[in-house]
Amino acid sequence: MKITILGPAHPYRGGLASIMQTMAREYQSRGHEVRIYTFTVQYPSLLFPGKTQYIDAPAPEDLHIERVMNTVNPFNWISLGLRLKREAPDIILMKYWTPFMAPCFGTIARIARQNKKTKVICQIDNVEPHEHHIIDRPCNKYYLGGVDGFVYMSEQVHSELKAYSSAPALFSPHPMFENFGTKVERESACEKINISPDENYTLFFGLIRDYKGLDMLLEAWKRWNPEHRKLLIAGEFYTSREKYISLIEQLGLQDRVVLHDRFIADDDVRYYFSAADCLVLPYRSATQSGVTQIAYNFSVPMLVTNVGGLPEIVPDGKVGLVCKPTVEDIVEGLNRVYAEGVLPNLIANFPEEKKRFSWATMCDKLLEVYQMCK
């Protein structure tokens, strides 16, 4: 088949680009003709909260990637939609994670489908965004109403999707991220990211947004007060940095927190997950999290809150523990996860649990939805 993927890819950074490129490789390995059409403009600079949207690495030589899509230029949406209508791929595969993309994606999809051959299939991360805006519902309605079928990764997303679309939808959990390499020796990892191997580390990883509950974790860290253990925070602020720096100072945690407040490049991710013995996701709300799938890849036990799809991905007592999203419960969760013998038992369960999360399964589900739409 001819499969065209629309969404983030090189030179854009981050997990979404990795996902689209990984799926492209999976389909290519099956003999399909795959093209990725990515952005000339993804977010205008004024709307992007990070330092840069791009990576410096060269483009992957094994993938066909074209920069052709501008999210803020309606004439571009029409032009690209007409091009796809003429090219007539069997599948246009999109990832949807924010209503900001809806006008662009929805227009392209609706025009391309006019050839009566192409089906638009969406791997959907979120329906309702974590930070709400007045335009969310009309944007969701416009885009989701122009899609032929969906693969969702949590029941919460499925429930929200039903309010907008009756198109076929199948569940497939977020696959593991396997593109970050393999685990390295702890001391080597600590040296690589310039932290002391004489301390033990609990990891908070990923872009820092208010809904992810880092403030609750800091409050819990103050109360828990472990010896010879530091909280390693690795990620770029997508919210007020000053608020969290001030909280660390107010709580007197300057010596108990290691802050690497920058975007963590793909080549460095493995060092953080090799240096830490537990990942904490103290989220206030969630659908699913790609960070859990990095932890699966490196067999790092997790403490997650019981919001959204997190307990589906990290069932209590298997490869991690689940707690409520409150400071008191996070403290209790830390006590539980670091109780004697708990971490080794959780680590032992990873080989079996990892079997649930493969890219082949995700790509199979997308093709299954496509068959349901024909």
Protein backbone atom coordinates (compact mmCIF):
# COMPACT_ATOMS: atom_id res chain seq x y z
CA MET A 1 0.00 0.00 0.00
CA LYS A 2 0.87 3.66 -0.25
CA ILE A 3 0.97 5.22 3.21
CA THR A 4 1.50 8.91 3.80
CA ILE A 5 2.29 10.01 7.34
CA LEU A 6 1.46 13.60 8.31
CA GLY A 7 3.03 14.97 11.46
CA PRO A 8 6.27 15.69 13.32
CA ALA A 9 9.50 14.22 11.95
CA HIS A 10 13.08 15.33 11.39
CA PRO A 11 14.22 18.10 11.87
CA TYR A 12 11.66 18.44 14.66
CA ARG A 13 12.67 17.10 18.04
CA GLY A 14 10.88 15.02 20.66
CA GLY A 15 8.87 11.88 21.18
CA LEU A 16 6.20 12.61 18.58
CA ALA A 17 8.77 12.78 15.80
CA SER A 18 10.34 9.53 17.06
CA ILE A 19 6.93 7.84 16.99
CA MET A 20 6.11 8.86 13.42
CA GLN A 21 9.53 7.78 12.15
CA THR A 22 9.37 4.46 14.01
CA MET A 23 5.98 3.65 12.48
CA ALA A 24 7.27 4.61 9.04
CA ARG A 25 10.14 2.12 9.43
CA GLU A 26 7.77 -0.60 10.64
CA TYR A 27 5.55 -0.20 7.57
CA GLN A 28 8.53 0.01 5.23
CA SER A 29 9.81 -3.28 6.65
CA ARG A 30 6.53 -4.86 5.55
CA GLY A 31 6.96 -3.69 1.97
CA HIS A 32 4.67 -0.66 1.99
CA GLU A 33 5.57 2.59 0.22
CA VAL A 34 5.84 5.22 2.96
CA ARG A 35 6.29 8.97 2.80
CA ILE A 36 6.40 11.39 5.73
CA TYR A 37 5.17 14.92 5.16
CA THR A 38 6.22 17.11 8.05
CA PHE A 39 6.11 20.81 8.85
CA THR A 40 7.74 23.87 7.41
CA VAL A 41 6.10 25.63 10.36
CA GLN A 42 4.89 23.53 13.31
CA TYR A 43 4.39 26.20 15.97
CA PRO A 44 5.01 29.92 15.41
CA SER A 45 7.92 30.97 17.63
CA LEU A 46 5.65 33.14 19.78
CA LEU A 47 3.50 30.11 20.67
CA PHE A 48 6.33 27.68 21.35
CA PRO A 49 7.22 27.53 25.08
CA GLY A 50 10.60 25.81 24.69
CA LYS A 51 13.97 27.04 23.49
CA THR A 52 13.96 25.36 20.08
CA GLN A 53 11.75 23.03 18.07
CA TYR A 54 14.65 21.46 16.17
CA ILE A 55 17.46 18.95 16.51
CA ASP A 56 20.93 19.24 15.01
CA ALA A 57 21.26 15.62 13.89
CA PRO A 58 21.30 14.82 10.16
CA ALA A 59 18.15 13.55 8.51
CA PRO A 60 17.65 9.77 8.58
CA GLU A 61 18.76 8.32 5.27
CA ASP A 62 16.29 5.43 5.32
CA LEU A 63 13.15 7.59 5.35
CA HIS A 64 11.46 9.82 2.77
CA ILE A 65 10.72 13.04 4.68
CA GLU A 66 9.46 16.24 3.04
CA ARG A 67 8.82 19.53 4.82
CA VAL A 68 5.59 20.70 3.19
CA MET A 69 3.03 21.56 5.89
CA ASN A 70 2.44 24.99 7.48
CA THR A 71 0.04 24.97 10.44
CA VAL A 72 -0.80 28.70 10.19
CA ASN A 73 -1.23 29.13 6.42
CA PRO A 74 -4.69 28.12 5.12
CA PHE A 75 -3.53 28.35 1.49
CA ASN A 76 -0.92 25.70 2.33
CA TRP A 77 -3.59 23.43 3.83
CA ILE A 78 -5.64 23.62 0.64
CA SER A 79 -2.62 23.10 -1.59
CA LEU A 80 -1.39 20.08 0.37
CA GLY A 81 -4.88 18.64 0.56
CA LEU A 82 -5.21 18.86 -3.23
CA ARG A 83 -1.77 17.27 -3.67
CA LEU A 84 -2.75 14.34 -1.47
CA LYS A 85 -6.05 14.04 -3.29
CA ARG A 86 -4.09 13.62 -6.54
CA GLU A 87 -1.44 11.31 -5.05
CA ALA A 88 -4.23 9.15 -3.61
CA PRO A 89 -2.39 7.17 -0.94
CA ASP A 90 -4.35 4.30 0.53
CA ILE A 91 -3.82 5.68 4.04
CA ILE A 92 -3.06 9.10 5.44
CA LEU A 93 -1.80 8.43 8.96
CA MET A 94 -1.98 11.32 11.40
CA LYS A 95 -1.17 11.77 15.07
CA TYR A 96 -3.42 14.16 16.99
CA TRP A 97 -2.33 15.62 20.32
CA THR A 98 -3.58 19.22 20.46
CA PRO A 99 -6.55 21.19 19.04
CA PHE A 100 -4.06 23.72 17.68
CA MET A 101 -3.43 21.26 14.83
CA ALA A 102 -7.12 20.82 14.03
CA PRO A 103 -7.65 23.56 11.39
CA CYS A 104 -4.57 22.45 9.44
CA PHE A 105 -5.04 18.69 9.79
CA GLY A 106 -8.82 18.85 9.35
CA THR A 107 -8.67 20.85 6.13
CA ILE A 108 -5.99 18.64 4.59
CA ALA A 109 -7.87 15.47 5.57
CA ARG A 110 -11.25 16.64 4.27
CA ILE A 111 -9.84 17.65 0.88
CA ALA A 112 -7.69 14.52 0.45
CA ARG A 113 -10.62 12.17 1.21
CA GLN A 114 -12.58 13.63 -1.73
CA ASN A 115 -10.84 11.18 -4.06
CA LYS A 116 -13.04 8.42 -2.53
CA LYS A 117 -9.98 6.19 -2.15
CA THR A 118 -7.82 7.62 0.63
CA LYS A 119 -8.72 6.85 4.24
CA VAL A 120 -7.55 9.10 7.07
CA ILE A 121 -6.51 7.10 10.13
CA CYS A 122 -5.53 8.83 13.36
CA GLN A 123 -3.38 7.61 16.22
CA ILE A 124 -4.84 9.85 18.89
CA ASP A 125 -2.99 10.94 22.01
CA ASN A 126 -5.49 13.39 23.49
CA VAL A 127 -8.97 14.66 22.78
CA GLU A 128 -9.40 17.19 25.56
CA PRO A 129 -6.07 18.96 26.15
CA HIS A 130 -4.44 19.29 29.56
CA GLU A 131 -4.59 23.09 29.36
CA HIS A 132 -8.06 24.10 28.17
CA HIS A 133 -9.00 26.93 25.80
CA ILE A 134 -12.32 28.20 24.49
CA ILE A 135 -11.57 27.00 20.94
CA ASP A 136 -10.89 23.38 21.94
CA ARG A 137 -14.34 21.95 21.28
CA PRO A 138 -14.96 23.50 17.85
CA CYS A 139 -11.43 22.57 16.77
CA ASN A 140 -11.86 18.98 17.93
CA LYS A 141 -15.24 18.76 16.20
CA TYR A 142 -13.78 19.99 12.92
CA TYR A 143 -10.81 17.64 12.84
CA LEU A 144 -12.24 14.51 14.44
CA GLY A 145 -15.31 14.67 12.19
CA GLY A 146 -13.04 14.37 9.15
CA VAL A 147 -11.26 11.16 10.20
CA ASP A 148 -12.23 7.68 9.01
CA GLY A 149 -10.86 5.69 11.97
CA PHE A 150 -8.86 5.90 15.16
CA VAL A 151 -6.46 3.99 17.35
CA TYR A 152 -6.53 5.27 20.93
CA MET A 153 -4.13 4.49 23.76
CA SER A 154 -6.28 4.89 26.89
CA GLU A 155 -9.93 4.38 27.79
CA GLN A 156 -10.19 8.01 28.90
CA VAL A 157 -9.36 9.15 25.37
CA HIS A 158 -11.86 6.67 23.93
CA SER A 159 -14.57 8.02 26.21
CA GLU A 160 -13.86 11.60 25.16
CA LEU A 161 -13.63 10.63 21.48
CA LYS A 162 -17.18 9.25 21.47
CA ALA A 163 -18.55 12.76 21.96
CA TYR A 164 -17.10 13.80 18.59
CA SER A 165 -17.03 10.77 16.30
CA SER A 166 -18.70 7.42 15.71
CA ALA A 167 -15.93 6.25 13.36
CA PRO A 168 -14.30 2.85 14.04
CA ALA A 169 -11.83 3.00 16.93
CA LEU A 170 -9.54 0.33 18.39
CA PHE A 171 -7.33 0.26 21.47
CA SER A 172 -3.58 -0.29 21.36
CA PRO A 173 -1.32 0.78 24.25
CA HIS A 174 1.54 3.19 23.68
CA PRO A 175 4.50 1.10 22.45
CA MET A 176 7.90 1.16 24.13
CA PHE A 177 10.43 3.71 23.01
CA GLU A 178 13.33 1.56 21.83
CA ASN A 179 15.22 4.28 19.98
CA PHE A 180 17.11 5.52 23.04
CA GLY A 181 19.53 2.61 23.16
CA THR A 182 20.26 0.24 26.04
CA LYS A 183 21.04 0.69 29.69
CA VAL A 184 24.61 1.46 30.75
CA GLU A 185 26.48 0.96 34.02
CA ARG A 186 25.21 3.30 36.70
CA GLU A 187 28.58 4.90 37.49
CA SER A 188 29.24 5.51 33.80
CA ALA A 189 25.79 7.08 33.43
CA CYS A 190 26.36 9.39 36.41
CA GLU A 191 29.69 10.48 34.99
CA LYS A 192 28.15 11.14 31.58
CA ILE A 193 25.53 13.55 32.97
CA ASN A 194 27.85 15.01 35.61
CA ILE A 195 26.16 13.81 38.81
CA SER A 196 27.79 12.09 41.77
CA PRO A 197 27.65 8.26 41.80
CA ASP A 198 27.85 8.43 45.62
CA GLU A 199 24.17 9.45 45.77
CA ASN A 200 21.06 7.50 44.80
CA TYR A 201 18.57 9.11 42.43
CA THR A 202 14.82 9.16 41.93
CA LEU A 203 13.88 10.54 38.52
CA PHE A 204 11.29 13.05 37.33
CA PHE A 205 11.66 13.18 33.54
CA GLY A 206 10.11 15.07 30.65
CA LEU A 207 8.80 18.48 29.68
CA ILE A 208 7.72 20.34 32.81
CA ARG A 209 4.10 21.46 32.77
CA ASP A 210 1.89 22.29 35.73
CA TYR A 211 -0.46 19.34 35.24
CA LYS A 212 2.46 16.94 35.77
CA GLY A 213 2.49 17.66 39.51
CA LEU A 214 6.17 18.43 40.06
CA ASP A 215 5.15 20.85 42.83
CA MET A 216 3.44 17.99 44.71
CA LEU A 217 6.52 15.83 44.30
CA LEU A 218 8.74 18.58 45.70
CA GLU A 219 6.42 18.95 48.71
CA ALA A 220 6.50 15.19 49.18
CA TRP A 221 10.29 15.14 48.88
CA LYS A 222 10.51 17.68 51.71
CA ARG A 223 8.35 15.49 53.97
CA TRP A 224 9.93 12.18 52.98
CA ASN A 225 13.48 13.41 53.61
CA PRO A 226 15.50 10.36 52.51
CA GLU A 227 19.21 10.02 53.26
CA HIS A 228 21.80 9.75 50.47
CA ARG A 229 19.11 10.17 47.84
CA LYS A 230 18.39 13.06 45.51
CA LEU A 231 15.52 13.95 43.24
CA LEU A 232 16.85 14.20 39.69
CA ILE A 233 14.64 16.50 37.59
CA ALA A 234 15.44 16.33 33.89
CA GLY A 235 13.42 18.31 31.39
CA GLU A 236 12.70 21.68 29.85
CA PHE A 237 10.25 24.07 31.48
CA TYR A 238 7.08 24.64 29.44
CA THR A 239 5.71 26.76 32.29
CA SER A 240 7.14 29.30 34.72
CA ARG A 241 10.64 28.21 35.72
CA GLU A 242 10.76 30.83 38.46
CA LYS A 243 7.78 29.30 40.26
CA TYR A 244 9.53 25.96 40.69
CA ILE A 245 12.93 27.44 41.55
CA SER A 246 11.22 29.54 44.21
CA LEU A 247 9.43 26.46 45.60
CA ILE A 248 12.70 24.52 45.81
CA GLU A 249 14.22 27.41 47.75
CA GLN A 250 11.19 27.82 50.04
CA LEU A 251 11.28 24.13 50.90
CA GLY A 252 15.03 24.20 51.48
CA LEU A 253 15.65 21.51 48.87
CA GLN A 254 18.61 23.10 47.09
CA ASP A 255 20.96 20.33 48.28
CA ARG A 256 18.47 17.50 47.75
CA VAL A 257 17.40 18.25 44.18
CA VAL A 258 19.49 18.01 41.00
CA LEU A 259 17.92 20.11 38.26
CA HIS A 260 18.85 19.60 34.61
CA ASP A 261 16.34 22.05 33.15
CA ARG A 262 16.84 21.55 29.45
CA PHE A 263 15.50 19.41 26.67
CA ILE A 264 17.18 16.02 26.99
CA ALA A 265 18.59 14.92 23.65
CA ASP A 266 17.81 11.40 22.45
CA ASP A 267 21.43 10.33 22.86
CA ASP A 268 21.41 11.33 26.54
CA VAL A 269 18.09 9.80 27.64
CA ARG A 270 19.60 6.42 28.52
CA TYR A 271 22.02 7.97 31.00
CA TYR A 272 19.21 9.40 33.12
CA PHE A 273 17.30 6.12 33.17
CA SER A 274 20.52 4.23 33.94
CA ALA A 275 21.46 6.55 36.82
CA ALA A 276 18.06 6.39 38.57
CA ASP A 277 16.42 3.42 40.28
CA CYS A 278 12.83 4.70 40.11
CA LEU A 279 10.77 7.07 37.95
CA VAL A 280 7.98 9.15 39.54
CA LEU A 281 5.05 10.52 37.54
CA PRO A 282 3.00 12.57 40.06
CA TYR A 283 0.54 13.79 37.41
CA ARG A 284 -2.67 15.62 38.32
CA SER A 285 -4.21 14.55 35.00
CA ALA A 286 -3.15 12.32 32.14
CA THR A 287 -4.27 10.30 29.16
CA GLN A 288 -1.14 8.21 28.77
CA SER A 289 2.54 9.09 28.99
CA GLY A 290 5.40 8.38 26.64
CA VAL A 291 7.74 8.66 29.64
CA THR A 292 6.37 5.40 31.08
CA GLN A 293 7.33 3.69 27.82
CA ILE A 294 10.90 4.92 28.14
CA ALA A 295 10.98 3.44 31.64
CA TYR A 296 9.68 0.14 30.24
CA ASN A 297 12.52 0.09 27.75
CA PHE A 298 15.11 0.51 30.51
CA SER A 299 13.27 -1.63 33.10
CA VAL A 300 13.06 1.23 35.62
CA PRO A 301 10.28 0.77 38.23
CA MET A 302 7.69 3.54 38.46
CA LEU A 303 5.50 5.35 40.95
CA VAL A 304 2.50 6.86 39.12
CA THR A 305 -0.72 8.54 40.15
CA ASN A 306 -4.10 6.98 39.43
CA VAL A 307 -5.17 9.47 36.76
CA GLY A 308 -6.18 8.88 33.14
CA GLY A 309 -4.59 5.86 31.55
CA LEU A 310 -1.52 5.65 33.83
CA PRO A 311 -2.87 2.73 35.94
CA GLU A 312 -3.66 0.86 32.71
CA ILE A 313 -0.05 1.19 31.57
CA VAL A 314 1.51 0.71 35.03
CA PRO A 315 -0.78 -1.67 36.98
CA ASP A 316 -0.16 -1.55 40.71
CA GLY A 317 2.35 -4.13 41.92
CA LYS A 318 3.63 -5.24 38.50
CA VAL A 319 6.40 -2.90 37.30
CA GLY A 320 5.39 -0.02 39.52
CA LEU A 321 3.07 1.25 42.21
CA VAL A 322 0.03 3.51 41.97
CA CYS A 323 -0.97 6.27 44.38
CA LYS A 324 -3.44 9.14 44.54
CA PRO A 325 -2.36 12.58 43.26
CA THR A 326 -1.88 14.17 46.67
CA VAL A 327 1.27 15.07 48.57
CA GLU A 328 0.41 12.65 51.39
CA ASP A 329 -0.17 9.74 49.03
CA ILE A 330 3.01 10.44 47.06
CA VAL A 331 4.95 10.30 50.34
CA GLU A 332 3.31 6.98 51.15
CA GLY A 333 4.03 5.76 47.62
CA LEU A 334 7.71 6.61 48.00
CA ASN A 335 7.77 4.71 51.28
CA ARG A 336 6.18 1.70 49.60
CA VAL A 337 8.37 1.64 46.50
CA TYR A 338 11.58 1.91 48.53
CA ALA A 339 10.56 -0.65 51.14
CA GLU A 340 12.98 -3.59 51.35
CA GLY A 341 12.69 -6.00 48.44
CA VAL A 342 10.12 -4.02 46.44
CA LEU A 343 12.33 -2.68 43.63
CA PRO A 344 13.88 -6.10 42.79
CA ASN A 345 10.40 -7.65 42.64
CA LEU A 346 9.15 -4.94 40.28
CA ILE A 347 12.21 -5.26 38.05
CA ALA A 348 11.65 -9.02 37.78
CA ASN A 349 8.22 -8.42 36.19
CA PHE A 350 9.44 -6.27 33.30
CA PRO A 351 10.18 -9.05 30.75
CA GLU A 352 6.59 -10.29 30.84
CA GLU A 353 4.95 -6.85 30.99
CA LYS A 354 7.00 -5.53 28.05
CA LYS A 355 5.27 -7.99 25.73
CA ARG A 356 2.20 -5.73 25.71
CA PHE A 357 3.98 -2.82 24.07
CA SER A 358 5.25 -3.40 20.54
CA TRP A 359 5.29 -1.17 17.48
CA ALA A 360 4.20 -4.12 15.37
CA THR A 361 1.00 -4.39 17.42
CA MET A 362 0.29 -0.67 17.08
CA CYS A 363 0.82 -0.77 13.31
CA ASP A 364 -1.37 -3.88 13.05
CA LYS A 365 -4.19 -2.07 14.84
CA LEU A 366 -3.94 0.91 12.51
CA LEU A 367 -4.23 -1.39 9.50
CA GLU A 368 -7.13 -3.20 11.14
CA VAL A 369 -8.98 0.08 11.53
CA TYR A 370 -8.23 0.86 7.88
CA GLN A 371 -9.88 -2.43 6.84
CA MET A 372 -12.92 -1.53 8.95
CA CYS A 373 -13.25 1.75 7.04
CA LYS A 374 -13.11 0.30 3.50
